[in-house]
Amino acid sequence: MSTDPLQSLIQETCRHPPQTVERQRGLTQLYRLIVKSGKLWREYTPYYEEAWQQTWLYFCLNLCEATTAKDKYDPDRSRVTTWLNFYLKQRLKDRAIKAQHQKNQLVSASQAVDDDDTLKFLDTFEAPRDIPPILQATREWVETDPDGELQRIQVRGRKDVTCQVLIRRRLPPETSWEDLSTELDVPVSTLSNFYQKKCMPQLRKFGESEGYL
């Protein structure tokens, strides 16, 4: 067995089937070790937190089995932190490109919209034919809203625009912010800022309670 604590824990975690207590416990321990290692790419951009959320979901779904990626993580090709950082940087790059593209479009149309409006949660995540357990569990949590918190958190003056509505629509296959803005008649900036500040903490709280984070 590898002397690298991360690799050893990965081997141990992947011995257990998905959705088992042992698998979730291993993923939680890996999360803590990876963050503690200080080797995770960090930059201070408005959309970093969302990119990391997307990266961690990718990690959970493709570490032991190739659920949404072509191949699962291969320890013979790279360290797990290198694998994660590559994906994280790609997501950050995608967001930066989309933000700039959107900005150019808006400027040409004489519309002033903040670059951050183009942020997308799980923007390259394709829903597989069989819904992964983590997505199924998240979807059930959003739909049932057991403590009513997601329905309680609303955009000011719009009782119909809640965290429950936005999280549901942003789960894969996601609805773009632009389409949601048109459908709900709420500016993209209002929706995306509300989502990041009010809904993301709820999503993180759920992930932590289930052992995904």
Protein backbone atom coordinates (compact mmCIF):
# COMPACT_ATOMS: atom_id res chain seq x y z
CA MET A 1 0.00 0.00 0.00
CA SER A 2 1.24 3.51 -0.77
CA THR A 3 2.97 5.44 1.99
CA ASP A 4 1.24 8.61 0.80
CA PRO A 5 -1.60 9.12 3.32
CA LEU A 6 -3.90 10.51 0.63
CA GLN A 7 -3.31 7.58 -1.72
CA SER A 8 -3.70 5.09 1.10
CA LEU A 9 -7.00 6.66 2.14
CA ILE A 10 -8.20 6.69 -1.48
CA GLN A 11 -7.50 2.97 -1.77
CA GLU A 12 -9.35 2.30 1.47
CA THR A 13 -12.29 4.55 0.53
CA CYS A 14 -12.74 2.98 -2.90
CA ARG A 15 -12.91 -0.51 -1.42
CA HIS A 16 -16.38 0.36 -0.16
CA PRO A 17 -19.45 0.65 -2.43
CA PRO A 18 -21.02 4.05 -3.20
CA GLN A 19 -23.54 5.42 -0.69
CA THR A 20 -22.17 3.29 2.16
CA VAL A 21 -21.24 4.91 5.44
CA GLU A 22 -17.65 3.80 4.93
CA ARG A 23 -17.43 5.45 1.49
CA GLN A 24 -18.89 8.72 2.78
CA ARG A 25 -16.61 8.68 5.81
CA GLY A 26 -13.61 8.20 3.54
CA LEU A 27 -14.64 11.05 1.25
CA THR A 28 -15.05 13.34 4.23
CA GLN A 29 -11.59 12.46 5.53
CA LEU A 30 -10.11 13.00 2.07
CA TYR A 31 -11.75 16.41 1.85
CA ARG A 32 -10.14 17.45 5.13
CA LEU A 33 -6.72 16.08 4.20
CA ILE A 34 -6.75 17.75 0.78
CA VAL A 35 -7.73 21.14 2.21
CA LYS A 36 -5.20 20.78 5.05
CA SER A 37 -2.41 19.85 2.63
CA GLY A 38 -2.31 23.39 1.27
CA LYS A 39 -1.77 21.99 -2.24
CA LEU A 40 -5.19 22.92 -3.53
CA TRP A 41 -5.18 25.78 -6.05
CA ARG A 42 -6.54 28.97 -4.55
CA GLU A 43 -7.35 32.30 -6.10
CA TYR A 44 -9.46 35.19 -4.95
CA THR A 45 -12.13 35.47 -7.59
CA PRO A 46 -15.88 35.91 -6.98
CA TYR A 47 -16.65 32.53 -8.50
CA TYR A 48 -13.93 30.44 -6.84
CA GLU A 49 -16.26 28.96 -4.25
CA GLU A 50 -18.70 27.74 -6.88
CA ALA A 51 -15.86 26.31 -8.98
CA TRP A 52 -14.59 24.42 -5.94
CA GLN A 53 -18.06 23.07 -5.22
CA GLN A 54 -18.20 21.79 -8.80
CA THR A 55 -14.71 20.31 -8.49
CA TRP A 56 -15.56 18.51 -5.29
CA LEU A 57 -18.67 17.00 -6.84
CA TYR A 58 -16.51 15.85 -9.75
CA PHE A 59 -14.10 14.32 -7.22
CA CYS A 60 -16.85 12.40 -5.40
CA LEU A 61 -18.35 11.08 -8.63
CA ASN A 62 -15.14 10.09 -10.39
CA LEU A 63 -12.61 9.16 -7.74
CA CYS A 64 -13.50 5.47 -7.53
CA GLU A 65 -15.80 5.06 -10.53
CA ALA A 66 -16.03 7.04 -13.78
CA THR A 67 -19.54 8.36 -13.24
CA THR A 68 -19.47 11.62 -15.18
CA ALA A 69 -15.93 11.59 -16.61
CA LYS A 70 -14.47 9.36 -19.31
CA ASP A 71 -12.08 7.79 -16.83
CA LYS A 72 -11.88 7.59 -13.08
CA TYR A 73 -8.92 8.96 -11.14
CA ASP A 74 -5.69 7.14 -11.98
CA PRO A 75 -3.05 7.33 -9.21
CA ASP A 76 -0.40 6.14 -11.65
CA ARG A 77 -0.84 9.25 -13.77
CA SER A 78 -0.87 11.96 -11.12
CA ARG A 79 -1.33 12.84 -7.49
CA VAL A 80 -4.93 13.39 -6.49
CA THR A 81 -4.24 17.08 -5.76
CA THR A 82 -2.78 17.51 -9.26
CA TRP A 83 -5.85 15.82 -10.73
CA LEU A 84 -8.17 18.07 -8.74
CA ASN A 85 -6.24 21.25 -9.47
CA PHE A 86 -6.31 20.57 -13.21
CA TYR A 87 -10.10 20.24 -13.16
CA LEU A 88 -10.51 23.24 -10.85
CA LYS A 89 -8.35 25.48 -13.04
CA GLN A 90 -10.30 24.42 -16.11
CA ARG A 91 -13.58 25.38 -14.47
CA LEU A 92 -12.15 28.73 -13.40
CA LYS A 93 -10.85 29.31 -16.93
CA ASP A 94 -14.24 28.43 -18.40
CA ARG A 95 -15.94 30.92 -16.12
CA ALA A 96 -13.47 33.67 -16.92
CA ILE A 97 -13.95 33.12 -20.66
CA LYS A 98 -17.72 33.08 -20.35
CA ALA A 99 -17.68 36.17 -18.16
CA GLN A 100 -15.55 38.06 -20.70
CA HIS A 101 -17.68 36.86 -23.61
CA GLN A 102 -20.85 37.93 -21.87
CA LYS A 103 -19.31 41.27 -20.97
CA ASN A 104 -18.36 41.91 -24.60
CA GLN A 105 -21.87 41.05 -25.75
CA LEU A 106 -23.44 43.33 -23.16
CA VAL A 107 -21.10 46.20 -23.89
CA SER A 108 -21.88 45.97 -27.61
CA ALA A 109 -25.56 46.05 -26.73
CA SER A 110 -25.01 48.98 -24.36
CA GLN A 111 -26.09 46.97 -21.35
CA ALA A 112 -24.22 47.23 -18.06
CA VAL A 113 -24.16 43.85 -16.40
CA ASP A 114 -21.53 42.71 -13.93
CA ASP A 115 -19.11 40.04 -15.17
CA ASP A 116 -20.13 37.81 -12.26
CA ASP A 117 -23.59 37.48 -13.73
CA THR A 118 -22.36 34.77 -16.06
CA LEU A 119 -21.33 32.42 -13.28
CA LYS A 120 -22.71 28.93 -13.63
CA PHE A 121 -22.88 26.27 -10.96
CA LEU A 122 -21.84 22.89 -12.39
CA ASP A 123 -21.65 24.49 -15.83
CA THR A 124 -19.95 21.55 -17.56
CA PHE A 125 -21.61 18.81 -15.57
CA GLU A 126 -23.60 16.52 -17.84
CA ALA A 127 -26.34 14.46 -16.24
CA PRO A 128 -25.65 10.78 -16.95
CA ARG A 129 -28.33 8.33 -17.98
CA ASP A 130 -28.38 6.89 -14.47
CA ILE A 131 -28.57 9.65 -11.89
CA PRO A 132 -25.59 9.43 -9.48
CA PRO A 133 -26.52 8.87 -5.81
CA ILE A 134 -25.19 12.29 -4.75
CA LEU A 135 -27.39 14.07 -7.30
CA GLN A 136 -30.40 11.95 -6.48
CA ALA A 137 -29.99 12.67 -2.78
CA THR A 138 -29.57 16.41 -3.44
CA ARG A 139 -32.61 16.46 -5.71
CA GLU A 140 -34.76 14.71 -3.09
CA TRP A 141 -33.56 17.14 -0.42
CA VAL A 142 -34.47 20.14 -2.60
CA GLU A 143 -37.88 18.75 -3.54
CA THR A 144 -38.91 17.77 -0.01
CA ASP A 145 -37.25 20.73 1.75
CA PRO A 146 -37.72 18.92 5.09
CA ASP A 147 -37.30 21.96 7.36
CA GLY A 148 -38.88 24.48 4.97
CA GLU A 149 -35.71 26.57 4.94
CA LEU A 150 -35.29 26.58 1.16
CA GLN A 151 -38.80 27.95 0.63
CA ARG A 152 -38.36 30.49 3.40
CA ILE A 153 -35.29 32.11 1.82
CA GLN A 154 -36.67 34.38 -0.91
CA VAL A 155 -35.52 37.17 -3.18
CA ARG A 156 -36.76 40.39 -1.61
CA GLY A 157 -40.21 41.24 -2.91
CA ARG A 158 -40.51 37.96 -4.80
CA LYS A 159 -41.99 35.16 -2.71
CA ASP A 160 -42.00 32.91 -5.76
CA VAL A 161 -38.21 33.12 -6.25
CA THR A 162 -36.78 30.96 -3.50
CA CYS A 163 -33.67 28.90 -2.87
CA GLN A 164 -35.75 25.81 -3.49
CA VAL A 165 -36.70 27.04 -6.97
CA LEU A 166 -33.19 28.16 -7.92
CA ILE A 167 -31.28 25.15 -6.60
CA ARG A 168 -33.75 22.80 -8.31
CA ARG A 169 -33.32 24.61 -11.64
CA ARG A 170 -29.53 24.79 -11.34
CA LEU A 171 -29.06 21.08 -10.71
CA PRO A 172 -28.01 19.12 -13.81
CA PRO A 173 -29.31 19.44 -16.44
CA GLU A 174 -29.17 23.08 -15.41
CA THR A 175 -31.13 26.07 -16.65
CA SER A 176 -28.92 29.03 -17.55
CA TRP A 177 -29.05 32.25 -15.55
CA GLU A 178 -30.12 34.06 -18.70
CA ASP A 179 -33.10 31.77 -19.23
CA LEU A 180 -34.06 31.97 -15.57
CA SER A 181 -33.84 35.75 -15.72
CA THR A 182 -36.22 35.87 -18.65
CA GLU A 183 -38.60 33.33 -17.16
CA LEU A 184 -38.74 34.88 -13.68
CA ASP A 185 -38.38 38.51 -14.80
CA VAL A 186 -35.50 39.08 -12.39
CA PRO A 187 -32.08 40.48 -13.42
CA VAL A 188 -29.29 37.93 -13.84
CA SER A 189 -27.17 39.82 -11.30
CA THR A 190 -29.92 39.60 -8.68
CA LEU A 191 -30.41 35.87 -9.23
CA SER A 192 -26.74 34.91 -9.30
CA ASN A 193 -25.82 37.06 -6.29
CA PHE A 194 -28.79 35.76 -4.30
CA TYR A 195 -27.86 32.19 -5.23
CA GLN A 196 -24.22 32.57 -4.19
CA LYS A 197 -24.92 34.42 -0.94
CA LYS A 198 -28.11 32.71 0.24
CA CYS A 199 -28.52 29.37 -1.53
CA MET A 200 -24.95 28.10 -1.76
CA PRO A 201 -24.57 28.07 2.06
CA GLN A 202 -27.67 25.87 2.27
CA LEU A 203 -26.27 23.55 -0.39
CA ARG A 204 -22.95 23.35 1.46
CA LYS A 205 -24.74 22.69 4.74
CA PHE A 206 -26.59 19.78 3.15
CA GLY A 207 -23.39 18.43 1.60
CA GLU A 208 -21.63 18.49 4.96
CA SER A 209 -24.55 16.80 6.74
CA GLU A 210 -24.50 13.98 4.18
CA GLY A 211 -20.73 13.58 4.27
CA TYR A 212 -20.17 14.85 0.73
CA LEU A 213 -18.16 17.87 1.97
